[in-house]
N, C-alpha and C. Protein backbone atom coordinates (compact mmCIF):
# COMPACT_ATOMS: atom_id res chain seq x y z
N MET A 1 142.48 31.68 204.06
CA MET A 1 141.63 32.77 203.62
C MET A 1 142.27 33.54 202.49
N ARG A 2 143.52 33.85 202.62
CA ARG A 2 144.26 34.53 201.56
C ARG A 2 144.34 33.68 200.32
N PHE A 3 144.44 32.44 200.50
CA PHE A 3 144.51 31.53 199.35
C PHE A 3 143.21 31.54 198.58
N LYS A 4 142.07 31.58 199.25
CA LYS A 4 140.78 31.61 198.58
C LYS A 4 140.61 32.88 197.78
N LEU A 5 141.09 33.99 198.37
CA LEU A 5 141.00 35.26 197.65
C LEU A 5 141.87 35.26 196.42
N LEU A 6 143.07 34.68 196.56
CA LEU A 6 143.99 34.64 195.42
C LEU A 6 143.43 33.74 194.34
N ARG A 7 142.83 32.64 194.69
CA ARG A 7 142.28 31.73 193.70
C ARG A 7 141.07 32.33 193.00
N ARG A 8 140.30 33.07 193.73
CA ARG A 8 139.13 33.70 193.11
C ARG A 8 139.57 34.71 192.05
N ARG A 9 140.67 35.39 192.33
CA ARG A 9 141.16 36.39 191.38
C ARG A 9 141.75 35.75 190.15
N LEU A 10 142.33 34.57 190.30
CA LEU A 10 143.01 33.93 189.19
C LEU A 10 142.08 33.04 188.39
N THR A 11 140.91 32.72 188.85
CA THR A 11 140.00 31.79 188.17
C THR A 11 138.95 32.60 187.38
N ILE A 12 138.09 31.83 186.71
CA ILE A 12 137.04 32.45 185.86
C ILE A 12 136.07 33.25 186.69
N SER A 13 135.86 32.86 187.86
CA SER A 13 134.89 33.52 188.72
C SER A 13 135.36 34.86 189.23
N ALA A 14 136.62 35.25 188.83
CA ALA A 14 137.15 36.53 189.28
C ALA A 14 136.34 37.66 188.64
N PRO A 15 136.09 38.77 189.26
CA PRO A 15 135.31 39.91 188.69
C PRO A 15 136.04 40.55 187.51
N ARG A 16 135.23 40.99 186.46
CA ARG A 16 135.80 41.60 185.26
C ARG A 16 136.24 43.02 185.53
N MET A 17 137.27 43.43 184.77
CA MET A 17 137.83 44.76 184.90
C MET A 17 137.90 45.41 183.52
N SER A 18 137.61 46.72 183.41
CA SER A 18 137.71 47.45 182.14
C SER A 18 138.51 48.71 182.36
N ILE A 19 139.28 49.08 181.30
CA ILE A 19 140.16 50.26 181.38
C ILE A 19 139.51 51.37 180.58
N ARG A 20 139.21 52.45 181.18
CA ARG A 20 138.57 53.61 180.52
C ARG A 20 139.48 54.82 180.61
N SER A 21 139.41 55.58 179.49
CA SER A 21 140.22 56.80 179.47
C SER A 21 139.51 57.85 180.27
N HIS A 22 140.26 58.66 180.88
CA HIS A 22 139.65 59.72 181.68
C HIS A 22 139.16 60.87 180.83
N ARG A 23 139.63 61.00 179.56
CA ARG A 23 139.23 62.13 178.68
C ARG A 23 138.92 61.60 177.28
N PRO A 24 137.75 60.95 177.01
CA PRO A 24 137.41 60.41 175.68
C PRO A 24 137.02 61.50 174.69
N TRP A 25 136.53 62.68 175.12
CA TRP A 25 136.07 63.74 174.20
C TRP A 25 137.20 64.34 173.42
N ILE A 26 138.42 64.23 173.96
CA ILE A 26 139.56 64.81 173.24
C ILE A 26 139.76 64.06 171.93
N ARG A 27 139.59 62.71 171.97
CA ARG A 27 139.77 61.92 170.76
C ARG A 27 138.71 62.25 169.72
N TRP A 28 137.43 62.39 170.17
CA TRP A 28 136.35 62.71 169.20
C TRP A 28 136.50 64.11 168.64
N ALA A 29 136.94 65.04 169.44
CA ALA A 29 137.16 66.40 168.95
C ALA A 29 138.25 66.42 167.89
N GLY A 30 139.27 65.64 168.12
CA GLY A 30 140.35 65.58 167.14
C GLY A 30 139.87 64.99 165.82
N ILE A 31 139.04 63.93 165.93
CA ILE A 31 138.51 63.31 164.70
C ILE A 31 137.64 64.31 163.92
N ALA A 32 136.82 65.07 164.63
CA ALA A 32 135.95 66.05 163.98
C ALA A 32 136.77 67.14 163.30
N ILE A 33 137.78 67.59 163.98
CA ILE A 33 138.61 68.67 163.38
C ILE A 33 139.29 68.18 162.13
N MET A 34 139.80 66.96 162.16
CA MET A 34 140.48 66.42 160.99
C MET A 34 139.50 66.23 159.84
N THR A 35 138.26 65.79 160.16
CA THR A 35 137.23 65.60 159.11
C THR A 35 136.91 66.92 158.43
N VAL A 36 136.70 67.97 159.22
CA VAL A 36 136.40 69.30 158.66
C VAL A 36 137.56 69.80 157.84
N PHE A 37 138.76 69.57 158.33
CA PHE A 37 139.96 70.04 157.62
C PHE A 37 140.08 69.36 156.26
N TYR A 38 139.88 68.02 156.25
CA TYR A 38 139.99 67.30 154.97
C TYR A 38 138.85 67.71 154.00
N ALA A 39 137.66 67.96 154.53
CA ALA A 39 136.54 68.38 153.68
C ALA A 39 136.82 69.75 153.07
N ALA A 40 137.40 70.64 153.86
CA ALA A 40 137.73 71.98 153.35
C ALA A 40 138.77 71.88 152.26
N ILE A 41 139.76 71.03 152.48
CA ILE A 41 140.81 70.85 151.47
C ILE A 41 140.21 70.29 150.18
N ALA A 42 139.29 69.30 150.31
CA ALA A 42 138.67 68.70 149.12
C ALA A 42 137.83 69.72 148.35
N LEU A 43 137.07 70.56 149.07
CA LEU A 43 136.26 71.58 148.41
C LEU A 43 137.13 72.61 147.73
N TRP A 44 138.17 73.03 148.42
CA TRP A 44 139.08 74.03 147.82
C TRP A 44 139.74 73.46 146.57
N THR A 45 140.11 72.18 146.65
CA THR A 45 140.74 71.53 145.48
C THR A 45 139.77 71.45 144.31
N PHE A 46 138.51 71.15 144.60
CA PHE A 46 137.50 71.06 143.53
C PHE A 46 137.28 72.42 142.86
N ASP A 47 137.14 73.47 143.70
CA ASP A 47 136.95 74.81 143.14
C ASP A 47 138.17 75.25 142.35
N LEU A 48 139.34 74.91 142.88
CA LEU A 48 140.55 75.30 142.18
C LEU A 48 140.66 74.59 140.83
N GLY A 49 140.34 73.30 140.83
CA GLY A 49 140.38 72.56 139.57
C GLY A 49 139.35 73.08 138.57
N LYS A 50 138.17 73.46 139.05
CA LYS A 50 137.14 73.99 138.15
C LYS A 50 137.56 75.32 137.57
N SER A 51 138.24 76.13 138.40
CA SER A 51 138.72 77.41 137.89
C SER A 51 139.80 77.20 136.85
N PHE A 52 140.72 76.25 137.13
CA PHE A 52 141.78 75.97 136.16
C PHE A 52 141.20 75.47 134.83
N ALA A 53 140.15 74.68 134.89
CA ALA A 53 139.56 74.11 133.68
C ALA A 53 138.67 75.12 132.95
N GLY A 54 138.36 76.25 133.55
CA GLY A 54 137.51 77.26 132.92
C GLY A 54 136.04 76.94 132.99
N LEU A 55 135.64 75.95 133.75
CA LEU A 55 134.24 75.55 133.80
C LEU A 55 133.40 76.58 134.54
N ASP A 56 133.92 77.13 135.60
CA ASP A 56 133.15 78.07 136.40
C ASP A 56 132.88 79.36 135.61
N THR A 57 133.88 79.86 134.90
CA THR A 57 133.71 81.08 134.10
C THR A 57 132.71 80.88 132.98
N GLY A 58 132.81 79.73 132.30
CA GLY A 58 131.88 79.44 131.21
C GLY A 58 130.45 79.33 131.71
N ALA A 59 130.28 78.70 132.87
CA ALA A 59 128.94 78.56 133.42
C ALA A 59 128.35 79.92 133.77
N ARG A 60 129.20 80.79 134.33
CA ARG A 60 128.69 82.11 134.67
C ARG A 60 128.34 82.91 133.42
N GLU A 61 129.19 82.81 132.41
CA GLU A 61 128.90 83.51 131.16
C GLU A 61 127.61 82.98 130.52
N GLU A 62 127.43 81.66 130.55
CA GLU A 62 126.23 81.07 129.98
C GLU A 62 124.99 81.52 130.76
N LEU A 63 125.12 81.56 132.09
CA LEU A 63 124.00 82.01 132.92
C LEU A 63 123.65 83.47 132.62
N THR A 64 124.70 84.30 132.48
CA THR A 64 124.47 85.71 132.15
C THR A 64 123.79 85.85 130.79
N ARG A 65 124.26 85.05 129.81
CA ARG A 65 123.68 85.10 128.47
C ARG A 65 122.21 84.64 128.49
N LEU A 66 121.93 83.61 129.26
CA LEU A 66 120.56 83.13 129.36
C LEU A 66 119.65 84.16 130.02
N ARG A 67 120.16 84.82 131.04
CA ARG A 67 119.35 85.85 131.69
C ARG A 67 119.06 87.00 130.74
N GLU A 68 120.08 87.42 129.98
CA GLU A 68 119.87 88.49 129.00
C GLU A 68 118.87 88.07 127.92
N GLY A 69 119.00 86.81 127.45
CA GLY A 69 118.05 86.32 126.45
C GLY A 69 116.63 86.28 126.99
N THR A 70 116.48 85.86 128.24
CA THR A 70 115.16 85.82 128.85
C THR A 70 114.55 87.21 128.96
N ALA A 71 115.38 88.18 129.36
CA ALA A 71 114.89 89.55 129.47
C ALA A 71 114.50 90.09 128.10
N ARG A 72 115.28 89.75 127.06
CA ARG A 72 114.97 90.22 125.71
C ARG A 72 113.67 89.60 125.21
N LEU A 73 113.49 88.31 125.46
CA LEU A 73 112.26 87.64 125.05
C LEU A 73 111.05 88.21 125.77
N ARG A 74 111.18 88.53 127.04
CA ARG A 74 110.08 89.13 127.76
C ARG A 74 109.72 90.49 127.19
N GLU A 75 110.77 91.26 126.84
CA GLU A 75 110.52 92.57 126.25
C GLU A 75 109.80 92.44 124.90
N GLU A 76 110.26 91.49 124.07
CA GLU A 76 109.61 91.27 122.78
C GLU A 76 108.18 90.78 122.95
N ARG A 77 107.96 89.92 123.96
CA ARG A 77 106.61 89.43 124.22
C ARG A 77 105.69 90.58 124.62
N ASP A 78 106.21 91.48 125.49
CA ASP A 78 105.39 92.62 125.92
C ASP A 78 105.06 93.53 124.74
N LYS A 79 106.05 93.74 123.84
CA LYS A 79 105.79 94.57 122.66
C LYS A 79 104.75 93.92 121.76
N ALA A 80 104.88 92.61 121.54
CA ALA A 80 103.93 91.90 120.69
C ALA A 80 102.53 91.93 121.29
N GLN A 81 102.44 91.78 122.61
CA GLN A 81 101.13 91.84 123.27
C GLN A 81 100.52 93.22 123.14
N SER A 82 101.37 94.26 123.26
CA SER A 82 100.88 95.63 123.10
C SER A 82 100.35 95.87 121.69
N VAL A 83 101.10 95.37 120.69
CA VAL A 83 100.66 95.52 119.30
C VAL A 83 99.36 94.76 119.07
N LEU A 84 99.26 93.56 119.65
CA LEU A 84 98.05 92.76 119.50
C LEU A 84 96.85 93.46 120.12
N ASN A 85 97.02 94.02 121.30
CA ASN A 85 95.93 94.73 121.95
C ASN A 85 95.50 95.94 121.14
N THR A 86 96.50 96.69 120.61
CA THR A 86 96.18 97.85 119.79
C THR A 86 95.44 97.44 118.52
N SER A 87 95.90 96.35 117.88
CA SER A 87 95.25 95.87 116.66
C SER A 87 93.82 95.45 116.93
N ALA A 88 93.61 94.74 118.03
CA ALA A 88 92.25 94.31 118.37
C ALA A 88 91.34 95.51 118.61
N SER A 89 91.88 96.54 119.29
CA SER A 89 91.09 97.74 119.52
C SER A 89 90.76 98.45 118.21
N LEU A 90 91.74 98.52 117.31
CA LEU A 90 91.51 99.15 116.00
C LEU A 90 90.49 98.39 115.18
N ILE A 91 90.58 97.04 115.23
CA ILE A 91 89.63 96.23 114.48
C ILE A 91 88.21 96.44 115.01
N THR A 92 88.08 96.48 116.34
CA THR A 92 86.76 96.70 116.93
C THR A 92 86.20 98.07 116.54
N THR A 93 87.09 99.09 116.60
CA THR A 93 86.66 100.44 116.22
C THR A 93 86.28 100.50 114.76
N GLU A 94 87.09 99.84 113.91
CA GLU A 94 86.81 99.85 112.46
C GLU A 94 85.50 99.15 112.15
N THR A 95 85.27 98.03 112.83
CA THR A 95 84.02 97.30 112.61
C THR A 95 82.81 98.13 113.02
N SER A 96 82.92 98.79 114.18
CA SER A 96 81.82 99.63 114.65
C SER A 96 81.59 100.79 113.70
N THR A 97 82.69 101.40 113.24
CA THR A 97 82.56 102.52 112.30
C THR A 97 81.94 102.07 110.99
N LYS A 98 82.36 100.90 110.50
CA LYS A 98 81.81 100.37 109.25
C LYS A 98 80.32 100.11 109.37
N GLU A 99 79.89 99.51 110.48
CA GLU A 99 78.47 99.24 110.68
C GLU A 99 77.68 100.54 110.75
N ARG A 100 78.24 101.54 111.46
CA ARG A 100 77.55 102.82 111.56
C ARG A 100 77.44 103.50 110.20
N LEU A 101 78.53 103.47 109.43
CA LEU A 101 78.51 104.07 108.10
C LEU A 101 77.55 103.34 107.16
N THR A 102 77.50 102.01 107.28
CA THR A 102 76.56 101.25 106.45
C THR A 102 75.13 101.64 106.76
N ALA A 103 74.82 101.78 108.05
CA ALA A 103 73.46 102.20 108.43
C ALA A 103 73.16 103.61 107.90
N GLN A 104 74.16 104.52 108.00
CA GLN A 104 73.95 105.87 107.51
C GLN A 104 73.76 105.89 105.99
N ILE A 105 74.52 105.04 105.29
CA ILE A 105 74.38 104.97 103.83
C ILE A 105 72.98 104.51 103.44
N LYS A 106 72.47 103.51 104.16
CA LYS A 106 71.11 103.03 103.88
C LYS A 106 70.08 104.12 104.09
N VAL A 107 70.25 104.89 105.18
CA VAL A 107 69.32 105.98 105.45
C VAL A 107 69.41 107.04 104.36
N LEU A 108 70.65 107.38 103.95
CA LEU A 108 70.82 108.39 102.90
C LEU A 108 70.25 107.92 101.57
N GLU A 109 70.43 106.62 101.27
CA GLU A 109 69.87 106.09 100.03
C GLU A 109 68.34 106.17 100.03
N ALA A 110 67.74 105.85 101.18
CA ALA A 110 66.28 105.94 101.28
C ALA A 110 65.82 107.39 101.13
N GLU A 111 66.54 108.32 101.77
CA GLU A 111 66.19 109.73 101.65
C GLU A 111 66.36 110.21 100.21
N ASN A 112 67.43 109.72 99.55
CA ASN A 112 67.67 110.12 98.16
C ASN A 112 66.54 109.64 97.25
N ARG A 113 66.10 108.39 97.46
CA ARG A 113 64.99 107.87 96.66
C ARG A 113 63.71 108.69 96.90
N ALA A 114 63.48 109.03 98.17
CA ALA A 114 62.29 109.82 98.48
C ALA A 114 62.36 111.20 97.83
N LEU A 115 63.56 111.80 97.84
CA LEU A 115 63.72 113.12 97.23
C LEU A 115 63.53 113.05 95.72
N ARG A 116 64.04 111.99 95.10
CA ARG A 116 63.85 111.84 93.65
C ARG A 116 62.37 111.67 93.33
N ASP A 117 61.69 110.86 94.14
CA ASP A 117 60.25 110.69 93.91
C ASP A 117 59.50 112.00 94.06
N ASP A 118 59.86 112.75 95.13
CA ASP A 118 59.19 114.03 95.34
C ASP A 118 59.52 115.01 94.22
N LEU A 119 60.77 115.01 93.76
CA LEU A 119 61.16 115.91 92.68
C LEU A 119 60.36 115.61 91.41
N GLY A 120 60.30 114.31 91.05
CA GLY A 120 59.52 113.94 89.88
C GLY A 120 58.05 114.26 90.05
N PHE A 121 57.58 114.08 91.28
CA PHE A 121 56.17 114.33 91.55
C PHE A 121 55.85 115.82 91.40
N PHE A 122 56.69 116.67 91.99
CA PHE A 122 56.41 118.10 91.96
C PHE A 122 56.75 118.73 90.62
N GLN A 123 57.64 118.11 89.86
CA GLN A 123 57.90 118.62 88.51
C GLN A 123 56.64 118.54 87.65
N LYS A 124 55.83 117.53 87.94
CA LYS A 124 54.59 117.39 87.18
C LYS A 124 53.53 118.40 87.59
N LEU A 125 53.81 119.17 88.64
CA LEU A 125 52.85 120.19 89.06
C LEU A 125 52.91 121.43 88.18
N ILE A 126 53.97 121.57 87.41
CA ILE A 126 54.10 122.76 86.56
C ILE A 126 52.99 122.74 85.53
N PRO A 127 52.16 123.73 85.48
CA PRO A 127 51.01 123.70 84.55
C PRO A 127 51.46 123.87 83.11
N ALA A 128 50.67 123.28 82.21
CA ALA A 128 50.99 123.40 80.79
C ALA A 128 50.79 124.83 80.32
N THR A 129 49.75 125.51 80.79
CA THR A 129 49.48 126.90 80.44
C THR A 129 49.09 127.66 81.70
N ALA A 130 49.35 128.92 81.67
CA ALA A 130 49.07 129.74 82.86
C ALA A 130 47.58 129.84 83.13
N ALA A 131 46.77 129.67 82.05
CA ALA A 131 45.32 129.82 82.20
C ALA A 131 44.65 128.52 82.61
N GLU A 132 45.42 127.47 82.79
CA GLU A 132 44.83 126.17 83.12
C GLU A 132 44.17 126.24 84.49
N GLY A 133 42.98 125.62 84.60
CA GLY A 133 42.28 125.63 85.87
C GLY A 133 42.70 124.45 86.73
N VAL A 134 41.77 123.93 87.53
CA VAL A 134 42.06 122.80 88.40
C VAL A 134 42.49 121.61 87.54
N ALA A 135 43.52 120.89 87.98
CA ALA A 135 44.08 119.82 87.16
C ALA A 135 44.59 118.69 88.05
N ILE A 136 44.75 117.55 87.40
CA ILE A 136 45.33 116.37 88.06
C ILE A 136 46.78 116.24 87.60
N ARG A 137 47.68 116.07 88.52
CA ARG A 137 49.08 115.93 88.20
C ARG A 137 49.65 114.69 88.93
N ALA A 138 50.67 114.12 88.33
CA ALA A 138 51.47 113.07 88.99
C ALA A 138 50.65 111.88 89.46
N LEU A 139 49.80 111.37 88.60
CA LEU A 139 49.09 110.14 88.94
C LEU A 139 50.05 108.96 88.84
N GLN A 140 50.17 108.20 89.92
CA GLN A 140 51.06 107.05 89.96
C GLN A 140 50.32 105.86 90.57
N ALA A 141 50.64 104.65 90.10
CA ALA A 141 50.02 103.44 90.64
C ALA A 141 51.01 102.29 90.50
N GLU A 142 50.94 101.34 91.46
CA GLU A 142 51.86 100.21 91.48
C GLU A 142 51.17 99.02 92.13
N VAL A 143 51.29 97.85 91.49
CA VAL A 143 50.73 96.62 92.05
C VAL A 143 51.79 95.97 92.93
N LEU A 144 51.45 95.70 94.18
CA LEU A 144 52.38 95.13 95.16
C LEU A 144 52.08 93.65 95.35
N ALA A 145 53.02 92.82 94.97
CA ALA A 145 52.92 91.37 95.19
C ALA A 145 51.68 90.76 94.56
N GLY A 146 51.09 91.44 93.58
CA GLY A 146 49.92 90.91 92.89
C GLY A 146 48.64 90.91 93.70
N THR A 147 48.68 91.48 94.92
CA THR A 147 47.49 91.43 95.79
C THR A 147 46.98 92.80 96.20
N GLN A 148 47.79 93.86 96.01
CA GLN A 148 47.39 95.20 96.42
C GLN A 148 47.79 96.22 95.35
N LEU A 149 47.02 97.29 95.30
CA LEU A 149 47.31 98.40 94.39
C LEU A 149 47.60 99.64 95.23
N LYS A 150 48.80 100.19 95.05
CA LYS A 150 49.17 101.42 95.73
C LYS A 150 49.10 102.57 94.73
N TRP A 151 48.41 103.65 95.08
CA TRP A 151 48.25 104.77 94.16
C TRP A 151 48.43 106.10 94.89
N GLN A 152 48.78 107.11 94.12
CA GLN A 152 48.87 108.46 94.65
C GLN A 152 48.62 109.45 93.50
N VAL A 153 48.10 110.61 93.87
CA VAL A 153 47.75 111.61 92.86
C VAL A 153 47.86 113.00 93.49
N MET A 154 48.19 113.98 92.66
CA MET A 154 48.26 115.37 93.11
C MET A 154 47.25 116.18 92.29
N VAL A 155 46.46 116.97 92.97
CA VAL A 155 45.52 117.88 92.31
C VAL A 155 45.94 119.31 92.63
N ILE A 156 45.87 120.19 91.64
CA ILE A 156 46.37 121.55 91.83
C ILE A 156 45.42 122.56 91.20
N GLN A 157 45.56 123.81 91.67
CA GLN A 157 45.00 124.99 91.02
C GLN A 157 46.17 125.95 90.79
N PRO A 158 46.72 126.01 89.59
CA PRO A 158 47.93 126.79 89.34
C PRO A 158 47.74 128.30 89.42
N GLN A 159 46.52 128.79 89.35
CA GLN A 159 46.32 130.23 89.40
C GLN A 159 46.67 130.80 90.78
N LYS A 160 47.18 132.00 90.76
CA LYS A 160 47.49 132.69 92.01
C LYS A 160 46.19 133.15 92.64
N ASN A 161 46.10 132.99 93.94
CA ASN A 161 44.90 133.37 94.70
C ASN A 161 43.65 132.69 94.13
N ALA A 162 43.79 131.40 93.80
CA ALA A 162 42.65 130.65 93.25
C ALA A 162 41.61 130.44 94.34
N PRO A 163 40.36 130.41 93.97
CA PRO A 163 39.30 130.15 94.97
C PRO A 163 39.36 128.70 95.45
N GLU A 164 38.87 128.46 96.62
CA GLU A 164 38.91 127.11 97.19
C GLU A 164 38.06 126.17 96.34
N PHE A 165 38.64 125.03 96.06
CA PHE A 165 37.93 124.02 95.27
C PHE A 165 37.24 123.05 96.23
N ARG A 166 35.99 122.78 95.93
CA ARG A 166 35.23 121.81 96.71
C ARG A 166 34.64 120.81 95.72
N GLY A 167 35.08 119.56 95.84
CA GLY A 167 34.59 118.56 94.92
C GLY A 167 34.88 117.16 95.41
N LYS A 168 35.08 116.26 94.45
CA LYS A 168 35.34 114.86 94.78
C LYS A 168 36.39 114.29 93.84
N LEU A 169 37.09 113.27 94.34
CA LEU A 169 38.07 112.54 93.52
C LEU A 169 37.57 111.11 93.38
N LEU A 170 37.43 110.68 92.15
CA LEU A 170 36.97 109.32 91.88
C LEU A 170 38.10 108.54 91.22
N MET A 171 38.51 107.45 91.87
CA MET A 171 39.58 106.59 91.35
C MET A 171 38.95 105.29 90.85
N SER A 172 39.38 104.83 89.69
CA SER A 172 38.88 103.58 89.14
C SER A 172 40.03 102.82 88.50
N MET A 173 39.84 101.52 88.31
CA MET A 173 40.85 100.68 87.69
C MET A 173 40.16 99.68 86.79
N SER A 174 40.90 99.21 85.80
CA SER A 174 40.33 98.25 84.85
C SER A 174 41.40 97.26 84.45
N GLY A 175 40.95 96.11 83.93
CA GLY A 175 41.86 95.04 83.52
C GLY A 175 41.07 93.78 83.27
N THR A 176 41.55 92.69 83.83
CA THR A 176 40.85 91.41 83.69
C THR A 176 40.69 90.75 85.05
N LEU A 177 39.64 89.97 85.18
CA LEU A 177 39.37 89.19 86.39
C LEU A 177 38.97 87.80 85.95
N ASP A 178 39.76 86.82 86.33
CA ASP A 178 39.56 85.44 85.88
C ASP A 178 39.58 85.36 84.35
N GLY A 179 40.39 86.22 83.73
CA GLY A 179 40.52 86.21 82.28
C GLY A 179 39.45 86.97 81.54
N LYS A 180 38.52 87.63 82.24
CA LYS A 180 37.43 88.38 81.61
C LYS A 180 37.63 89.87 81.85
N PRO A 181 37.14 90.73 80.94
CA PRO A 181 37.26 92.19 81.14
C PRO A 181 36.64 92.61 82.47
N TRP A 182 37.30 93.55 83.11
CA TRP A 182 36.88 93.92 84.47
C TRP A 182 37.19 95.40 84.71
N MET A 183 36.30 96.12 85.36
CA MET A 183 36.50 97.52 85.70
C MET A 183 35.72 97.82 86.97
N THR A 184 36.30 98.61 87.86
CA THR A 184 35.64 98.94 89.12
C THR A 184 36.20 100.22 89.68
N ASP A 185 35.38 100.90 90.49
CA ASP A 185 35.85 102.07 91.24
C ASP A 185 36.52 101.59 92.53
N LEU A 186 37.35 102.41 93.09
CA LEU A 186 37.97 102.06 94.36
C LEU A 186 36.92 101.97 95.45
N PRO A 187 37.09 101.09 96.41
CA PRO A 187 36.10 100.94 97.48
C PRO A 187 35.85 102.28 98.18
N GLY A 188 34.59 102.50 98.49
CA GLY A 188 34.22 103.75 99.16
C GLY A 188 33.72 104.81 98.21
N GLY A 189 33.90 104.58 96.90
CA GLY A 189 33.42 105.55 95.92
C GLY A 189 34.26 106.80 95.88
N ALA A 190 33.67 107.88 95.42
CA ALA A 190 34.39 109.16 95.28
C ALA A 190 34.72 109.74 96.65
N GLN A 191 35.94 110.32 96.78
CA GLN A 191 36.39 110.91 98.04
C GLN A 191 36.14 112.42 98.01
N ALA A 192 35.58 112.92 99.09
CA ALA A 192 35.39 114.37 99.20
C ALA A 192 36.74 115.06 99.18
N LEU A 193 36.83 116.19 98.48
CA LEU A 193 38.11 116.86 98.26
C LEU A 193 37.91 118.36 98.40
N GLN A 194 38.78 118.99 99.17
CA GLN A 194 38.71 120.42 99.40
C GLN A 194 40.14 120.95 99.50
N PHE A 195 40.51 121.92 98.63
CA PHE A 195 41.87 122.49 98.66
C PHE A 195 41.87 123.83 97.95
N ARG A 196 42.94 124.59 98.13
CA ARG A 196 43.05 125.89 97.49
C ARG A 196 44.16 125.90 96.43
N GLN A 197 45.38 125.47 96.76
CA GLN A 197 46.47 125.47 95.78
C GLN A 197 46.77 124.06 95.28
N TYR A 198 47.05 123.13 96.20
CA TYR A 198 47.30 121.75 95.79
C TYR A 198 47.03 120.82 96.96
N ARG A 199 46.88 119.55 96.60
CA ARG A 199 46.70 118.53 97.64
C ARG A 199 47.18 117.20 97.08
N ARG A 200 47.78 116.44 97.94
CA ARG A 200 48.29 115.11 97.57
C ARG A 200 47.45 114.05 98.25
N ILE A 201 46.98 113.09 97.48
CA ILE A 201 46.15 112.00 98.02
C ILE A 201 46.77 110.67 97.59
N GLU A 202 46.71 109.70 98.50
CA GLU A 202 47.23 108.37 98.18
C GLU A 202 46.43 107.32 98.92
N GLY A 203 46.57 106.06 98.45
CA GLY A 203 45.82 104.99 99.09
C GLY A 203 46.36 103.62 98.70
N LEU A 204 45.85 102.59 99.38
CA LEU A 204 46.24 101.20 99.15
C LEU A 204 44.96 100.37 99.08
N VAL A 205 44.80 99.60 98.00
CA VAL A 205 43.57 98.85 97.76
C VAL A 205 43.90 97.37 97.61
N ASP A 206 43.12 96.52 98.28
CA ASP A 206 43.25 95.07 98.11
C ASP A 206 42.58 94.64 96.81
N LEU A 207 43.28 93.82 96.05
CA LEU A 207 42.76 93.36 94.76
C LEU A 207 42.08 92.00 94.91
N PRO A 208 41.06 91.74 94.11
CA PRO A 208 40.44 90.41 94.15
C PRO A 208 41.42 89.36 93.61
N PRO A 209 41.28 88.11 94.04
CA PRO A 209 42.12 87.05 93.49
C PRO A 209 41.94 86.94 91.97
N GLN A 210 43.01 86.63 91.28
CA GLN A 210 43.02 86.46 89.82
C GLN A 210 42.78 87.78 89.07
N ALA A 211 42.85 88.93 89.77
CA ALA A 211 42.66 90.22 89.10
C ALA A 211 43.99 90.70 88.54
N VAL A 212 43.94 91.25 87.30
CA VAL A 212 45.11 91.83 86.65
C VAL A 212 44.75 93.27 86.29
N VAL A 213 45.41 94.24 86.93
CA VAL A 213 45.12 95.66 86.71
C VAL A 213 45.97 96.14 85.53
N LYS A 214 45.33 96.75 84.56
CA LYS A 214 46.04 97.26 83.38
C LYS A 214 45.94 98.77 83.24
N ASN A 215 44.95 99.35 83.88
CA ASN A 215 44.76 100.79 83.73
C ASN A 215 44.19 101.37 85.03
N VAL A 216 44.65 102.57 85.40
CA VAL A 216 44.16 103.28 86.57
C VAL A 216 43.80 104.70 86.13
N SER A 217 42.63 105.15 86.55
CA SER A 217 42.15 106.48 86.16
C SER A 217 41.78 107.28 87.39
N ALA A 218 42.00 108.62 87.29
CA ALA A 218 41.58 109.55 88.34
C ALA A 218 40.68 110.59 87.70
N ARG A 219 39.53 110.88 88.35
CA ARG A 219 38.58 111.86 87.81
C ARG A 219 38.25 112.86 88.90
N LEU A 220 38.36 114.14 88.56
CA LEU A 220 38.07 115.22 89.51
C LEU A 220 36.70 115.79 89.19
N LEU A 221 35.81 115.70 90.15
CA LEU A 221 34.42 116.12 89.95
C LEU A 221 34.11 117.34 90.81
N GLU A 222 33.33 118.25 90.22
CA GLU A 222 32.81 119.40 90.96
C GLU A 222 31.30 119.43 90.72
N GLY A 223 30.59 119.00 91.71
CA GLY A 223 29.16 118.80 91.52
C GLY A 223 28.95 117.60 90.60
N SER A 224 28.22 117.79 89.52
CA SER A 224 28.02 116.72 88.55
C SER A 224 28.93 116.87 87.35
N ALA A 225 29.77 117.92 87.35
CA ALA A 225 30.64 118.19 86.21
C ALA A 225 32.03 117.56 86.45
N THR A 226 32.60 117.01 85.39
CA THR A 226 33.96 116.49 85.45
C THR A 226 34.92 117.61 85.07
N ARG A 227 35.81 117.95 86.02
CA ARG A 227 36.74 119.06 85.80
C ARG A 227 38.08 118.61 85.26
N ALA A 228 38.52 117.38 85.58
CA ALA A 228 39.83 116.90 85.09
C ALA A 228 39.84 115.37 85.14
N VAL A 229 40.58 114.78 84.18
CA VAL A 229 40.71 113.32 84.11
C VAL A 229 42.16 113.00 83.71
N GLN A 230 42.66 111.95 84.34
CA GLN A 230 43.99 111.46 83.96
C GLN A 230 44.04 109.96 84.15
N SER A 231 44.65 109.27 83.18
CA SER A 231 44.76 107.80 83.25
C SER A 231 46.20 107.39 82.98
N ILE A 232 46.58 106.23 83.54
CA ILE A 232 47.90 105.67 83.29
C ILE A 232 47.74 104.17 83.05
N LYS A 233 48.63 103.62 82.27
CA LYS A 233 48.64 102.17 82.02
C LYS A 233 49.74 101.53 82.87
N LEU A 234 49.46 100.33 83.34
CA LEU A 234 50.44 99.58 84.15
C LEU A 234 51.09 98.50 83.32
């Protein structure tokens, strides 16, 4: 029996045996500590070498310079944007002011023309003599686009406290029609007229096709008597 046990232990069929340490974590802890220690030494050596070479200082100076440059560029950009906004506002204001002034100038020019016309018109109201009775002043006529005749006339009584005038105004025009002599009164005939010192009358008349107006006349009638006549050539 002992022989069989001894042979089993000495032959291949003998059970396997393994040797294990009772404290394996001590070895791994030691390896970890040594790894950390060597890594710290390598990092310290790298930083020390970089400091000796001046690389770290130069990099910091370059970073500082770049930050300052960036801040300066931002400041300049903000100033330029402010100037641009101010310029755009000024341009808008200037454009609006220019448009408003242009409109005002046009209005003033129109008023100036009207005042000049009125001045010329009323200057003609001054009577030639103090004893002059009812009269026609400032007869004006203008052909518009060859199709219409625009006219205006002023009738006056220059005497102070003159009696009221009751009569008619007859307007007529003459020229050529289709190349032939032509004369006609304004449509509607003589206009009833009543005034004491002065009165201004005006009108617009459509012209026949191919009509050429060369003369316009105004006649002031009181009953069947002609009191004043004035004609103008165009």
